[in-house]
Structures are given as C-alpha cells and as structure tokens.
Amino acid sequence: MSCAYYVPGNKKQAVEREIRQDSSPQLAGLPPCAVNLPGERPGYHVLTYIEPLKENVVALGLDLAGDPIRRSAVERARESMPA
C-alpha cells in the first residue's frame, strides 16, 4: 500500500519541512526526506507513505510526476476514483 499527494510547486519546501518534522515511530532513525527527482516543476505527486516501509524506504519523497510512466499511472488512478 502507498499514498502520494499532489504538492503545488510553490509548496515543495514547506512539504519537505513537514515530512522532516514527522515524529512517527516508524520514521525514527531514517534519513531526512526530500522530494526526490531534480528540477522545478509546477507540481509534484509526492510519495509520503509506503508499506512495507523497511524494504521501500528509499521511495519516500519520490515525485511520481517526475517520470512520464509514473505520472500517467497516478493520473489514471486519480481519474478512476469515485466522485
């Protein structure tokens, strides 16, 4: 299971700070999280939760919108959600 949410480009740094301040026990001892994938864009789809965490910790903060295939999957998933 995973969760990503849309972050407007002008909110990127604020979201990074928020993620770094998360004191959840499952994040204890992990390296600081940042939005992964270089470059500035109008928006990001940031992966903020993933299970199992231990095997997928490197994916935290991944910008799913930075890769065309992942972005397409996120858009299809969003469009398939009931209103």
Foldseek 3Di string as FASTA:
>chain_A
DWAWAKDFLVCQVVVQVVLQPDPDPVCPPPDREHQDDDDGDRMFTFTQDDPPCVVPVVRHNYGLCNDVVSVVVVVVVVVPDDD
